[in-house]
mmCIF file of all heavy atoms, coordinates in Angstrom:
data_MODEL
# 
_entry.id   MODEL 
# 
loop_
_atom_site.group_PDB 
_atom_site.id 
_atom_site.type_symbol 
_atom_site.label_atom_id 
_atom_site.label_alt_id 
_atom_site.label_comp_id 
_atom_site.label_asym_id 
_atom_site.label_entity_id 
_atom_site.label_seq_id 
_atom_site.pdbx_PDB_ins_code 
_atom_site.Cartn_x 
_atom_site.Cartn_y 
_atom_site.Cartn_z 
_atom_site.occupancy 
_atom_site.B_iso_or_equiv 
_atom_site.pdbx_formal_charge 
_atom_site.auth_seq_id 
_atom_site.auth_comp_id 
_atom_site.auth_asym_id 
_atom_site.auth_atom_id 
_atom_site.pdbx_PDB_model_num 
ATOM 1   N N   . PHE A 1 1  ? 78.147  13.604 99.764  1.00 0.00 ? 1  PHE A N   1 
ATOM 2   C CA  . PHE A 1 1  ? 79.090  12.744 99.055  1.00 0.00 ? 1  PHE A CA  1 
ATOM 3   C C   . PHE A 1 1  ? 79.539  13.434 97.775  1.00 0.00 ? 1  PHE A C   1 
ATOM 4   O O   . PHE A 1 1  ? 78.714  13.940 97.007  1.00 0.00 ? 1  PHE A O   1 
ATOM 5   C CB  . PHE A 1 1  ? 78.448  11.396 98.732  1.00 0.00 ? 1  PHE A CB  1 
ATOM 6   C CG  . PHE A 1 1  ? 78.195  10.552 99.953  1.00 0.00 ? 1  PHE A CG  1 
ATOM 7   C CD1 . PHE A 1 1  ? 76.971  10.593 100.598 1.00 0.00 ? 1  PHE A CD1 1 
ATOM 8   C CD2 . PHE A 1 1  ? 79.198  9.729  100.456 1.00 0.00 ? 1  PHE A CD2 1 
ATOM 9   C CE1 . PHE A 1 1  ? 76.739  9.833  101.738 1.00 0.00 ? 1  PHE A CE1 1 
ATOM 10  C CE2 . PHE A 1 1  ? 78.969  8.967  101.594 1.00 0.00 ? 1  PHE A CE2 1 
ATOM 11  C CZ  . PHE A 1 1  ? 77.742  9.018  102.234 1.00 0.00 ? 1  PHE A CZ  1 
ATOM 12  N N   . PHE A 1 2  ? 80.853  13.440 97.558  1.00 0.00 ? 2  PHE A N   1 
ATOM 13  C CA  . PHE A 1 2  ? 81.440  14.076 96.382  1.00 0.00 ? 2  PHE A CA  1 
ATOM 14  C C   . PHE A 1 2  ? 81.993  12.990 95.451  1.00 0.00 ? 2  PHE A C   1 
ATOM 15  O O   . PHE A 1 2  ? 82.875  12.226 95.846  1.00 0.00 ? 2  PHE A O   1 
ATOM 16  C CB  . PHE A 1 2  ? 82.554  15.038 96.799  1.00 0.00 ? 2  PHE A CB  1 
ATOM 17  C CG  . PHE A 1 2  ? 82.089  16.116 97.733  1.00 0.00 ? 2  PHE A CG  1 
ATOM 18  C CD1 . PHE A 1 2  ? 82.102  15.918 99.108  1.00 0.00 ? 2  PHE A CD1 1 
ATOM 19  C CD2 . PHE A 1 2  ? 81.614  17.322 97.250  1.00 0.00 ? 2  PHE A CD2 1 
ATOM 20  C CE1 . PHE A 1 2  ? 81.666  16.901 99.987  1.00 0.00 ? 2  PHE A CE1 1 
ATOM 21  C CE2 . PHE A 1 2  ? 81.171  18.311 98.114  1.00 0.00 ? 2  PHE A CE2 1 
ATOM 22  C CZ  . PHE A 1 2  ? 81.192  18.100 99.482  1.00 0.00 ? 2  PHE A CZ  1 
ATOM 23  N N   . PRO A 1 3  ? 81.489  12.907 94.224  1.00 0.00 ? 3  PRO A N   1 
ATOM 24  C CA  . PRO A 1 3  ? 81.908  11.845 93.296  1.00 0.00 ? 3  PRO A CA  1 
ATOM 25  C C   . PRO A 1 3  ? 83.251  12.164 92.645  1.00 0.00 ? 3  PRO A C   1 
ATOM 26  O O   . PRO A 1 3  ? 83.308  12.758 91.570  1.00 0.00 ? 3  PRO A O   1 
ATOM 27  C CB  . PRO A 1 3  ? 80.767  11.832 92.274  1.00 0.00 ? 3  PRO A CB  1 
ATOM 28  C CG  . PRO A 1 3  ? 80.282  13.249 92.242  1.00 0.00 ? 3  PRO A CG  1 
ATOM 29  C CD  . PRO A 1 3  ? 80.452  13.779 93.645  1.00 0.00 ? 3  PRO A CD  1 
ATOM 30  N N   . THR A 1 4  ? 84.327  11.760 93.303  1.00 0.00 ? 4  THR A N   1 
ATOM 31  C CA  . THR A 1 4  ? 85.667  12.062 92.813  1.00 0.00 ? 4  THR A CA  1 
ATOM 32  C C   . THR A 1 4  ? 85.889  11.539 91.399  1.00 0.00 ? 4  THR A C   1 
ATOM 33  O O   . THR A 1 4  ? 86.441  12.241 90.545  1.00 0.00 ? 4  THR A O   1 
ATOM 34  C CB  . THR A 1 4  ? 86.729  11.435 93.745  1.00 0.00 ? 4  THR A CB  1 
ATOM 35  O OG1 . THR A 1 4  ? 86.396  11.738 95.097  1.00 0.00 ? 4  THR A OG1 1 
ATOM 36  C CG2 . THR A 1 4  ? 88.104  11.980 93.438  1.00 0.00 ? 4  THR A CG2 1 
ATOM 37  N N   . LEU A 1 5  ? 85.468  10.305 91.150  1.00 0.00 ? 5  LEU A N   1 
ATOM 38  C CA  . LEU A 1 5  ? 85.667  9.703  89.832  1.00 0.00 ? 5  LEU A CA  1 
ATOM 39  C C   . LEU A 1 5  ? 84.982  10.525 88.746  1.00 0.00 ? 5  LEU A C   1 
ATOM 40  O O   . LEU A 1 5  ? 85.544  10.746 87.671  1.00 0.00 ? 5  LEU A O   1 
ATOM 41  C CB  . LEU A 1 5  ? 85.140  8.265  89.831  1.00 0.00 ? 5  LEU A CB  1 
ATOM 42  C CG  . LEU A 1 5  ? 85.355  7.454  88.548  1.00 0.00 ? 5  LEU A CG  1 
ATOM 43  C CD1 . LEU A 1 5  ? 86.834  7.269  88.271  1.00 0.00 ? 5  LEU A CD1 1 
ATOM 44  C CD2 . LEU A 1 5  ? 84.665  6.098  88.650  1.00 0.00 ? 5  LEU A CD2 1 
ATOM 45  N N   . SER A 1 6  ? 83.773  10.992 89.022  1.00 0.00 ? 6  SER A N   1 
ATOM 46  C CA  . SER A 1 6  ? 83.039  11.801 88.041  1.00 0.00 ? 6  SER A CA  1 
ATOM 47  C C   . SER A 1 6  ? 83.716  13.144 87.810  1.00 0.00 ? 6  SER A C   1 
ATOM 48  O O   . SER A 1 6  ? 83.807  13.624 86.669  1.00 0.00 ? 6  SER A O   1 
ATOM 49  C CB  . SER A 1 6  ? 81.595  12.020 88.516  1.00 0.00 ? 6  SER A CB  1 
ATOM 50  O OG  . SER A 1 6  ? 80.902  10.788 88.627  1.00 0.00 ? 6  SER A OG  1 
ATOM 51  N N   . LEU A 1 7  ? 84.186  13.761 88.879  1.00 0.00 ? 7  LEU A N   1 
ATOM 52  C CA  . LEU A 1 7  ? 84.892  15.036 88.740  1.00 0.00 ? 7  LEU A CA  1 
ATOM 53  C C   . LEU A 1 7  ? 86.139  14.878 87.877  1.00 0.00 ? 7  LEU A C   1 
ATOM 54  O O   . LEU A 1 7  ? 86.414  15.690 86.983  1.00 0.00 ? 7  LEU A O   1 
ATOM 55  C CB  . LEU A 1 7  ? 85.293  15.577 90.119  1.00 0.00 ? 7  LEU A CB  1 
ATOM 56  C CG  . LEU A 1 7  ? 84.221  16.279 90.949  1.00 0.00 ? 7  LEU A CG  1 
ATOM 57  C CD1 . LEU A 1 7  ? 84.745  16.554 92.352  1.00 0.00 ? 7  LEU A CD1 1 
ATOM 58  C CD2 . LEU A 1 7  ? 83.797  17.579 90.282  1.00 0.00 ? 7  LEU A CD2 1 
ATOM 59  N N   . HIS A 1 8  ? 86.909  13.834 88.131  1.00 0.00 ? 8  HIS A N   1 
ATOM 60  C CA  . HIS A 1 8  ? 88.164  13.616 87.416  1.00 0.00 ? 8  HIS A CA  1 
ATOM 61  C C   . HIS A 1 8  ? 87.946  13.245 85.951  1.00 0.00 ? 8  HIS A C   1 
ATOM 62  O O   . HIS A 1 8  ? 88.882  13.325 85.150  1.00 0.00 ? 8  HIS A O   1 
ATOM 63  C CB  . HIS A 1 8  ? 88.968  12.510 88.103  1.00 0.00 ? 8  HIS A CB  1 
ATOM 64  C CG  . HIS A 1 8  ? 89.549  12.934 89.406  1.00 0.00 ? 8  HIS A CG  1 
ATOM 65  N ND1 . HIS A 1 8  ? 90.507  12.192 90.074  1.00 0.00 ? 8  HIS A ND1 1 
ATOM 66  C CD2 . HIS A 1 8  ? 89.329  14.018 90.192  1.00 0.00 ? 8  HIS A CD2 1 
ATOM 67  C CE1 . HIS A 1 8  ? 90.844  12.801 91.195  1.00 0.00 ? 8  HIS A CE1 1 
ATOM 68  N NE2 . HIS A 1 8  ? 90.129  13.913 91.293  1.00 0.00 ? 8  HIS A NE2 1 
ATOM 69  N N   . HIS A 1 9  ? 86.724  12.823 85.614  1.00 0.00 ? 9  HIS A N   1 
ATOM 70  C CA  . HIS A 1 9  ? 86.423  12.439 84.232  1.00 0.00 ? 9  HIS A CA  1 
ATOM 71  C C   . HIS A 1 9  ? 85.443  13.401 83.567  1.00 0.00 ? 9  HIS A C   1 
ATOM 72  O O   . HIS A 1 9  ? 84.877  13.078 82.523  1.00 0.00 ? 9  HIS A O   1 
ATOM 73  C CB  . HIS A 1 9  ? 85.875  11.008 84.202  1.00 0.00 ? 9  HIS A CB  1 
ATOM 74  C CG  . HIS A 1 9  ? 86.926  9.965  84.385  1.00 0.00 ? 9  HIS A CG  1 
ATOM 75  N ND1 . HIS A 1 9  ? 87.426  9.203  83.346  1.00 0.00 ? 9  HIS A ND1 1 
ATOM 76  C CD2 . HIS A 1 9  ? 87.612  9.573  85.490  1.00 0.00 ? 9  HIS A CD2 1 
ATOM 77  C CE1 . HIS A 1 9  ? 88.363  8.378  83.807  1.00 0.00 ? 9  HIS A CE1 1 
ATOM 78  N NE2 . HIS A 1 9  ? 88.480  8.588  85.104  1.00 0.00 ? 9  HIS A NE2 1 
ATOM 79  N N   . ASP A 1 10 ? 85.279  14.562 84.170  1.00 0.00 ? 10 ASP A N   1 
ATOM 80  C CA  . ASP A 1 10 ? 84.394  15.573 83.591  1.00 0.00 ? 10 ASP A CA  1 
ATOM 81  C C   . ASP A 1 10 ? 85.194  16.389 82.565  1.00 0.00 ? 10 ASP A C   1 
ATOM 82  O O   . ASP A 1 10 ? 86.160  17.063 82.926  1.00 0.00 ? 10 ASP A O   1 
ATOM 83  C CB  . ASP A 1 10 ? 83.871  16.498 84.697  1.00 0.00 ? 10 ASP A CB  1 
ATOM 84  C CG  . ASP A 1 10 ? 82.761  17.414 84.212  1.00 0.00 ? 10 ASP A CG  1 
ATOM 85  O OD1 . ASP A 1 10 ? 82.736  17.728 83.010  1.00 0.00 ? 10 ASP A OD1 1 
ATOM 86  O OD2 . ASP A 1 10 ? 81.926  17.828 85.042  1.00 0.00 ? 10 ASP A OD2 1 
ATOM 87  N N   . PRO A 1 11 ? 84.808  16.350 81.282  1.00 0.00 ? 11 PRO A N   1 
ATOM 88  C CA  . PRO A 1 11 ? 85.563  17.096 80.257  1.00 0.00 ? 11 PRO A CA  1 
ATOM 89  C C   . PRO A 1 11 ? 85.564  18.606 80.485  1.00 0.00 ? 11 PRO A C   1 
ATOM 90  O O   . PRO A 1 11 ? 86.386  19.321 79.912  1.00 0.00 ? 11 PRO A O   1 
ATOM 91  C CB  . PRO A 1 11 ? 84.848  16.720 78.952  1.00 0.00 ? 11 PRO A CB  1 
ATOM 92  C CG  . PRO A 1 11 ? 83.492  16.227 79.355  1.00 0.00 ? 11 PRO A CG  1 
ATOM 93  C CD  . PRO A 1 11 ? 83.678  15.601 80.706  1.00 0.00 ? 11 PRO A CD  1 
ATOM 94  N N   . LYS A 1 12 ? 84.658  19.084 81.331  1.00 0.00 ? 12 LYS A N   1 
ATOM 95  C CA  . LYS A 1 12 ? 84.657  20.505 81.673  1.00 0.00 ? 12 LYS A CA  1 
ATOM 96  C C   . LYS A 1 12 ? 85.944  20.878 82.401  1.00 0.00 ? 12 LYS A C   1 
ATOM 97  O O   . LYS A 1 12 ? 86.461  21.995 82.247  1.00 0.00 ? 12 LYS A O   1 
ATOM 98  C CB  . LYS A 1 12 ? 83.432  20.805 82.554  1.00 0.00 ? 12 LYS A CB  1 
ATOM 99  C CG  . LYS A 1 12 ? 83.369  22.230 83.076  1.00 0.00 ? 12 LYS A CG  1 
ATOM 100 C CD  . LYS A 1 12 ? 82.155  22.406 83.974  1.00 0.00 ? 12 LYS A CD  1 
ATOM 101 C CE  . LYS A 1 12 ? 82.107  23.806 84.577  1.00 0.00 ? 12 LYS A CE  1 
ATOM 102 N NZ  . LYS A 1 12 ? 80.930  23.967 85.495  1.00 0.00 ? 12 LYS A NZ  1 
ATOM 103 N N   . TYR A 1 13 ? 86.453  19.956 83.189  1.00 0.00 ? 13 TYR A N   1 
ATOM 104 C CA  . TYR A 1 13 ? 87.669  20.218 83.967  1.00 0.00 ? 13 TYR A CA  1 
ATOM 105 C C   . TYR A 1 13 ? 88.908  19.570 83.350  1.00 0.00 ? 13 TYR A C   1 
ATOM 106 O O   . TYR A 1 13 ? 90.021  20.107 83.462  1.00 0.00 ? 13 TYR A O   1 
ATOM 107 C CB  . TYR A 1 13 ? 87.484  19.701 85.396  1.00 0.00 ? 13 TYR A CB  1 
ATOM 108 C CG  . TYR A 1 13 ? 86.285  20.288 86.096  1.00 0.00 ? 13 TYR A CG  1 
ATOM 109 C CD1 . TYR A 1 13 ? 85.215  19.481 86.491  1.00 0.00 ? 13 TYR A CD1 1 
ATOM 110 C CD2 . TYR A 1 13 ? 86.202  21.647 86.354  1.00 0.00 ? 13 TYR A CD2 1 
ATOM 111 C CE1 . TYR A 1 13 ? 84.105  20.014 87.125  1.00 0.00 ? 13 TYR A CE1 1 
ATOM 112 C CE2 . TYR A 1 13 ? 85.102  22.196 86.987  1.00 0.00 ? 13 TYR A CE2 1 
ATOM 113 C CZ  . TYR A 1 13 ? 84.053  21.378 87.369  1.00 0.00 ? 13 TYR A CZ  1 
ATOM 114 O OH  . TYR A 1 13 ? 82.950  21.928 87.989  1.00 0.00 ? 13 TYR A OH  1 
ATOM 115 N N   . PHE A 1 14 ? 88.725  18.411 82.727  1.00 0.00 ? 14 PHE A N   1 
ATOM 116 C CA  . PHE A 1 14 ? 89.853  17.684 82.142  1.00 0.00 ? 14 PHE A CA  1 
ATOM 117 C C   . PHE A 1 14 ? 89.479  17.237 80.727  1.00 0.00 ? 14 PHE A C   1 
ATOM 118 O O   . PHE A 1 14 ? 88.832  16.196 80.549  1.00 0.00 ? 14 PHE A O   1 
ATOM 119 C CB  . PHE A 1 14 ? 90.220  16.467 83.004  1.00 0.00 ? 14 PHE A CB  1 
ATOM 120 C CG  . PHE A 1 14 ? 90.619  16.820 84.402  1.00 0.00 ? 14 PHE A CG  1 
ATOM 121 C CD1 . PHE A 1 14 ? 89.711  16.696 85.450  1.00 0.00 ? 14 PHE A CD1 1 
ATOM 122 C CD2 . PHE A 1 14 ? 91.901  17.284 84.683  1.00 0.00 ? 14 PHE A CD2 1 
ATOM 123 C CE1 . PHE A 1 14 ? 90.083  17.036 86.747  1.00 0.00 ? 14 PHE A CE1 1 
ATOM 124 C CE2 . PHE A 1 14 ? 92.264  17.629 85.970  1.00 0.00 ? 14 PHE A CE2 1 
ATOM 125 C CZ  . PHE A 1 14 ? 91.357  17.501 87.008  1.00 0.00 ? 14 PHE A CZ  1 
ATOM 126 N N   . PRO A 1 15 ? 89.839  18.022 79.700  1.00 0.00 ? 15 PRO A N   1 
ATOM 127 C CA  . PRO A 1 15 ? 89.529  17.655 78.316  1.00 0.00 ? 15 PRO A CA  1 
ATOM 128 C C   . PRO A 1 15 ? 90.072  16.266 77.975  1.00 0.00 ? 15 PRO A C   1 
ATOM 129 O O   . PRO A 1 15 ? 91.132  15.877 78.448  1.00 0.00 ? 15 PRO A O   1 
ATOM 130 C CB  . PRO A 1 15 ? 90.234  18.741 77.501  1.00 0.00 ? 15 PRO A CB  1 
ATOM 131 C CG  . PRO A 1 15 ? 90.346  19.904 78.448  1.00 0.00 ? 15 PRO A CG  1 
ATOM 132 C CD  . PRO A 1 15 ? 90.558  19.300 79.803  1.00 0.00 ? 15 PRO A CD  1 
ATOM 133 N N   . GLU A 1 16 ? 89.308  15.537 77.166  1.00 0.00 ? 16 GLU A N   1 
ATOM 134 C CA  . GLU A 1 16 ? 89.652  14.162 76.803  1.00 0.00 ? 16 GLU A CA  1 
ATOM 135 C C   . GLU A 1 16 ? 90.010  13.349 78.053  1.00 0.00 ? 16 GLU A C   1 
ATOM 136 O O   . GLU A 1 16 ? 91.123  12.848 78.192  1.00 0.00 ? 16 GLU A O   1 
ATOM 137 C CB  . GLU A 1 16 ? 90.813  14.127 75.813  1.00 0.00 ? 16 GLU A CB  1 
ATOM 138 C CG  . GLU A 1 16 ? 90.543  14.806 74.478  1.00 0.00 ? 16 GLU A CG  1 
ATOM 139 C CD  . GLU A 1 16 ? 91.717  14.665 73.531  1.00 0.00 ? 16 GLU A CD  1 
ATOM 140 O OE1 . GLU A 1 16 ? 91.765  13.674 72.780  1.00 0.00 ? 16 GLU A OE1 1 
ATOM 141 O OE2 . GLU A 1 16 ? 92.597  15.552 73.562  1.00 0.00 ? 16 GLU A OE2 1 
ATOM 142 N N   . PRO A 1 17 ? 89.065  13.215 78.966  1.00 0.00 ? 17 PRO A N   1 
ATOM 143 C CA  . PRO A 1 17 ? 89.358  12.610 80.276  1.00 0.00 ? 17 PRO A CA  1 
ATOM 144 C C   . PRO A 1 17 ? 89.835  11.162 80.213  1.00 0.00 ? 17 PRO A C   1 
ATOM 145 O O   . PRO A 1 17 ? 90.537  10.716 81.119  1.00 0.00 ? 17 PRO A O   1 
ATOM 146 C CB  . PRO A 1 17 ? 88.028  12.713 81.020  1.00 0.00 ? 17 PRO A CB  1 
ATOM 147 C CG  . PRO A 1 17 ? 86.994  12.849 79.953  1.00 0.00 ? 17 PRO A CG  1 
ATOM 148 C CD  . PRO A 1 17 ? 87.655  13.605 78.854  1.00 0.00 ? 17 PRO A CD  1 
ATOM 149 N N   . GLU A 1 18 ? 89.480  10.412 79.147  1.00 0.00 ? 18 GLU A N   1 
ATOM 150 C CA  . GLU A 1 18 ? 89.906  9.017  79.053  1.00 0.00 ? 18 GLU A CA  1 
ATOM 151 C C   . GLU A 1 18 ? 91.343  8.885  78.554  1.00 0.00 ? 18 GLU A C   1 
ATOM 152 O O   . GLU A 1 18 ? 91.914  7.797  78.572  1.00 0.00 ? 18 GLU A O   1 
ATOM 153 C CB  . GLU A 1 18 ? 88.959  8.246  78.128  1.00 0.00 ? 18 GLU A CB  1 
ATOM 154 C CG  . GLU A 1 18 ? 87.522  8.174  78.625  1.00 0.00 ? 18 GLU A CG  1 
ATOM 155 C CD  . GLU A 1 18 ? 87.422  7.552  80.008  1.00 0.00 ? 18 GLU A CD  1 
ATOM 156 O OE1 . GLU A 1 18 ? 88.155  6.574  80.275  1.00 0.00 ? 18 GLU A OE1 1 
ATOM 157 O OE2 . GLU A 1 18 ? 86.629  8.039  80.823  1.00 0.00 ? 18 GLU A OE2 1 
ATOM 158 N N   . LYS A 1 19 ? 91.915  9.988  78.115  1.00 0.00 ? 19 LYS A N   1 
ATOM 159 C CA  . LYS A 1 19 ? 93.294  9.975  77.616  1.00 0.00 ? 19 LYS A CA  1 
ATOM 160 C C   . LYS A 1 19 ? 94.274  10.080 78.780  1.00 0.00 ? 19 LYS A C   1 
ATOM 161 O O   . LYS A 1 19 ? 94.100  10.908 79.674  1.00 0.00 ? 19 LYS A O   1 
ATOM 162 C CB  . LYS A 1 19 ? 93.508  11.132 76.642  1.00 0.00 ? 19 LYS A CB  1 
ATOM 163 C CG  . LYS A 1 19 ? 94.910  11.209 76.054  1.00 0.00 ? 19 LYS A CG  1 
ATOM 164 C CD  . LYS A 1 19 ? 95.033  12.405 75.120  1.00 0.00 ? 19 LYS A CD  1 
ATOM 165 C CE  . LYS A 1 19 ? 96.441  12.507 74.535  1.00 0.00 ? 19 LYS A CE  1 
ATOM 166 N NZ  . LYS A 1 19 ? 96.576  13.695 73.641  1.00 0.00 ? 19 LYS A NZ  1 
ATOM 167 N N   . PHE A 1 20 ? 95.310  9.234  78.762  1.00 0.00 ? 20 PHE A N   1 
ATOM 168 C CA  . PHE A 1 20 ? 96.343  9.303  79.797  1.00 0.00 ? 20 PHE A CA  1 
ATOM 169 C C   . PHE A 1 20 ? 97.392  10.314 79.353  1.00 0.00 ? 20 PHE A C   1 
ATOM 170 O O   . PHE A 1 20 ? 98.202  10.058 78.472  1.00 0.00 ? 20 PHE A O   1 
ATOM 171 C CB  . PHE A 1 20 ? 96.985  7.926  79.989  1.00 0.00 ? 20 PHE A CB  1 
ATOM 172 C CG  . PHE A 1 20 ? 97.968  7.861  81.133  1.00 0.00 ? 20 PHE A CG  1 
ATOM 173 C CD1 . PHE A 1 20 ? 97.527  7.777  82.447  1.00 0.00 ? 20 PHE A CD1 1 
ATOM 174 C CD2 . PHE A 1 20 ? 99.333  7.890  80.901  1.00 0.00 ? 20 PHE A CD2 1 
ATOM 175 C CE1 . PHE A 1 20 ? 98.417  7.726  83.498  1.00 0.00 ? 20 PHE A CE1 1 
ATOM 176 C CE2 . PHE A 1 20 ? 100.238 7.834  81.943  1.00 0.00 ? 20 PHE A CE2 1 
ATOM 177 C CZ  . PHE A 1 20 ? 99.781  7.753  83.249  1.00 0.00 ? 20 PHE A CZ  1 
ATOM 178 N N   . ASP A 1 21 ? 97.371  11.490 79.960  1.00 0.00 ? 21 ASP A N   1 
ATOM 179 C CA  . ASP A 1 21 ? 98.222  12.603 79.539  1.00 0.00 ? 21 ASP A CA  1 
ATOM 180 C C   . ASP A 1 21 ? 98.889  13.265 80.743  1.00 0.00 ? 21 ASP A C   1 
ATOM 181 O O   . ASP A 1 21 ? 98.330  14.174 81.349  1.00 0.00 ? 21 ASP A O   1 
ATOM 182 C CB  . ASP A 1 21 ? 97.385  13.629 78.762  1.00 0.00 ? 21 ASP A CB  1 
ATOM 183 C CG  . ASP A 1 21 ? 98.221  14.792 78.255  1.00 0.00 ? 21 ASP A CG  1 
ATOM 184 O OD1 . ASP A 1 21 ? 99.471  14.700 78.276  1.00 0.00 ? 21 ASP A OD1 1 
ATOM 185 O OD2 . ASP A 1 21 ? 97.624  15.799 77.832  1.00 0.00 ? 21 ASP A OD2 1 
ATOM 186 N N   . PRO A 1 22 ? 100.096 12.831 81.102  1.00 0.00 ? 22 PRO A N   1 
ATOM 187 C CA  . PRO A 1 22 ? 100.791 13.417 82.262  1.00 0.00 ? 22 PRO A CA  1 
ATOM 188 C C   . PRO A 1 22 ? 101.066 14.909 82.130  1.00 0.00 ? 22 PRO A C   1 
ATOM 189 O O   . PRO A 1 22 ? 101.243 15.596 83.145  1.00 0.00 ? 22 PRO A O   1 
ATOM 190 C CB  . PRO A 1 22 ? 102.102 12.621 82.317  1.00 0.00 ? 22 PRO A CB  1 
ATOM 191 C CG  . PRO A 1 22 ? 101.802 11.323 81.634  1.00 0.00 ? 22 PRO A CG  1 
ATOM 192 C CD  . PRO A 1 22 ? 100.844 11.690 80.535  1.00 0.00 ? 22 PRO A CD  1 
ATOM 193 N N   . ASP A 1 23 ? 101.086 15.418 80.901  1.00 0.00 ? 23 ASP A N   1 
ATOM 194 C CA  . ASP A 1 23 ? 101.381 16.836 80.718  1.00 0.00 ? 23 ASP A CA  1 
ATOM 195 C C   . ASP A 1 23 ? 100.253 17.739 81.200  1.00 0.00 ? 23 ASP A C   1 
ATOM 196 O O   . ASP A 1 23 ? 100.412 18.958 81.244  1.00 0.00 ? 23 ASP A O   1 
ATOM 197 C CB  . ASP A 1 23 ? 101.703 17.132 79.249  1.00 0.00 ? 23 ASP A CB  1 
ATOM 198 C CG  . ASP A 1 23 ? 103.104 16.647 78.868  1.00 0.00 ? 23 ASP A CG  1 
ATOM 199 O OD1 . ASP A 1 23 ? 103.984 16.639 79.755  1.00 0.00 ? 23 ASP A OD1 1 
ATOM 200 O OD2 . ASP A 1 23 ? 103.313 16.267 77.697  1.00 0.00 ? 23 ASP A OD2 1 
ATOM 201 N N   . ARG A 1 24 ? 99.116  17.159 81.559  1.00 0.00 ? 24 ARG A N   1 
ATOM 202 C CA  . ARG A 1 24 ? 98.072  17.976 82.204  1.00 0.00 ? 24 ARG A CA  1 
ATOM 203 C C   . ARG A 1 24 ? 98.637  18.636 83.456  1.00 0.00 ? 24 ARG A C   1 
ATOM 204 O O   . ARG A 1 24 ? 98.190  19.707 83.870  1.00 0.00 ? 24 ARG A O   1 
ATOM 205 C CB  . ARG A 1 24 ? 96.888  17.108 82.635  1.00 0.00 ? 24 ARG A CB  1 
ATOM 206 C CG  . ARG A 1 24 ? 96.122  16.398 81.569  1.00 0.00 ? 24 ARG A CG  1 
ATOM 207 C CD  . ARG A 1 24 ? 95.001  15.581 82.221  1.00 0.00 ? 24 ARG A CD  1 
ATOM 208 N NE  . ARG A 1 24 ? 94.508  14.537 81.344  1.00 0.00 ? 24 ARG A NE  1 
ATOM 209 C CZ  . ARG A 1 24 ? 93.525  14.702 80.472  1.00 0.00 ? 24 ARG A CZ  1 
ATOM 210 N NH1 . ARG A 1 24 ? 92.959  15.876 80.369  1.00 0.00 ? 24 ARG A NH1 1 
ATOM 211 N NH2 . ARG A 1 24 ? 93.128  13.699 79.711  1.00 0.00 ? 24 ARG A NH2 1 
ATOM 212 N N   . PHE A 1 25 ? 99.586  17.937 84.104  1.00 0.00 ? 25 PHE A N   1 
ATOM 213 C CA  . PHE A 1 25 ? 100.118 18.394 85.389  1.00 0.00 ? 25 PHE A CA  1 
ATOM 214 C C   . PHE A 1 25 ? 101.521 18.996 85.251  1.00 0.00 ? 25 PHE A C   1 
ATOM 215 O O   . PHE A 1 25 ? 102.242 19.116 86.240  1.00 0.00 ? 25 PHE A O   1 
ATOM 216 C CB  . PHE A 1 25 ? 100.123 17.241 86.391  1.00 0.00 ? 25 PHE A CB  1 
ATOM 217 C CG  . PHE A 1 25 ? 98.741  16.768 86.743  1.00 0.00 ? 25 PHE A CG  1 
ATOM 218 C CD1 . PHE A 1 25 ? 98.130  15.755 86.018  1.00 0.00 ? 25 PHE A CD1 1 
ATOM 219 C CD2 . PHE A 1 25 ? 98.031  17.360 87.770  1.00 0.00 ? 25 PHE A CD2 1 
ATOM 220 C CE1 . PHE A 1 25 ? 96.847  15.318 86.323  1.00 0.00 ? 25 PHE A CE1 1 
ATOM 221 C CE2 . PHE A 1 25 ? 96.747  16.946 88.085  1.00 0.00 ? 25 PHE A CE2 1 
ATOM 222 C CZ  . PHE A 1 25 ? 96.149  15.925 87.356  1.00 0.00 ? 25 PHE A CZ  1 
ATOM 223 N N   . ALA A 1 26 ? 101.902 19.347 84.020  1.00 0.00 ? 26 ALA A N   1 
ATOM 224 C CA  . ALA A 1 26 ? 103.165 20.062 83.821  1.00 0.00 ? 26 ALA A CA  1 
ATOM 225 C C   . ALA A 1 26 ? 103.059 21.430 84.494  1.00 0.00 ? 26 ALA A C   1 
ATOM 226 O O   . ALA A 1 26 ? 101.963 21.996 84.606  1.00 0.00 ? 26 ALA A O   1 
ATOM 227 C CB  . ALA A 1 26 ? 103.449 20.208 82.330  1.00 0.00 ? 26 ALA A CB  1 
ATOM 228 N N   . PRO A 1 27 ? 104.173 21.978 84.966  1.00 0.00 ? 27 PRO A N   1 
ATOM 229 C CA  . PRO A 1 27 ? 104.126 23.261 85.692  1.00 0.00 ? 27 PRO A CA  1 
ATOM 230 C C   . PRO A 1 27 ? 103.376 24.359 84.945  1.00 0.00 ? 27 PRO A C   1 
ATOM 231 O O   . PRO A 1 27 ? 102.650 25.148 85.567  1.00 0.00 ? 27 PRO A O   1 
ATOM 232 C CB  . PRO A 1 27 ? 105.607 23.611 85.859  1.00 0.00 ? 27 PRO A CB  1 
ATOM 233 C CG  . PRO A 1 27 ? 106.300 22.294 85.870  1.00 0.00 ? 27 PRO A CG  1 
ATOM 234 C CD  . PRO A 1 27 ? 105.546 21.430 84.906  1.00 0.00 ? 27 PRO A CD  1 
ATOM 235 N N   . GLU A 1 28 ? 103.516 24.398 83.621  1.00 0.00 ? 28 GLU A N   1 
ATOM 236 C CA  . GLU A 1 28 ? 102.873 25.465 82.859  1.00 0.00 ? 28 GLU A CA  1 
ATOM 237 C C   . GLU A 1 28 ? 101.366 25.251 82.712  1.00 0.00 ? 28 GLU A C   1 
ATOM 238 O O   . GLU A 1 28 ? 100.648 26.169 82.284  1.00 0.00 ? 28 GLU A O   1 
ATOM 239 C CB  . GLU A 1 28 ? 103.502 25.579 81.464  1.00 0.00 ? 28 GLU A CB  1 
ATOM 240 C CG  . GLU A 1 28 ? 103.338 24.366 80.574  1.00 0.00 ? 28 GLU A CG  1 
ATOM 241 C CD  . GLU A 1 28 ? 104.459 23.336 80.740  1.00 0.00 ? 28 GLU A CD  1 
ATOM 242 O OE1 . GLU A 1 28 ? 105.163 23.399 81.767  1.00 0.00 ? 28 GLU A OE1 1 
ATOM 243 O OE2 . GLU A 1 28 ? 104.613 22.498 79.840  1.00 0.00 ? 28 GLU A OE2 1 
ATOM 244 N N   . ASN A 1 29 ? 100.868 24.068 83.084  1.00 0.00 ? 29 ASN A N   1 
ATOM 245 C CA  . ASN A 1 29 ? 99.430  23.784 82.951  1.00 0.00 ? 29 ASN A CA  1 
ATOM 246 C C   . ASN A 1 29 ? 98.695  23.722 84.281  1.00 0.00 ? 29 ASN A C   1 
ATOM 247 O O   . ASN A 1 29 ? 97.468  23.558 84.290  1.00 0.00 ? 29 ASN A O   1 
ATOM 248 C CB  . ASN A 1 29 ? 99.232  22.460 82.212  1.00 0.00 ? 29 ASN A CB  1 
ATOM 249 C CG  . ASN A 1 29 ? 99.674  22.526 80.769  1.00 0.00 ? 29 ASN A CG  1 
ATOM 250 O OD1 . ASN A 1 29 ? 99.562  23.579 80.123  1.00 0.00 ? 29 ASN A OD1 1 
ATOM 251 N ND2 . ASN A 1 29 ? 100.182 21.424 80.246  1.00 0.00 ? 29 ASN A ND2 1 
# 
């Protein structure tokens, strides 16, 4: 079992995970 929610909220992969920031997925990022 892979904990998707934990991965998506891991600051190692997504800094400030509780922040709603669409620019994480901008082409340059």
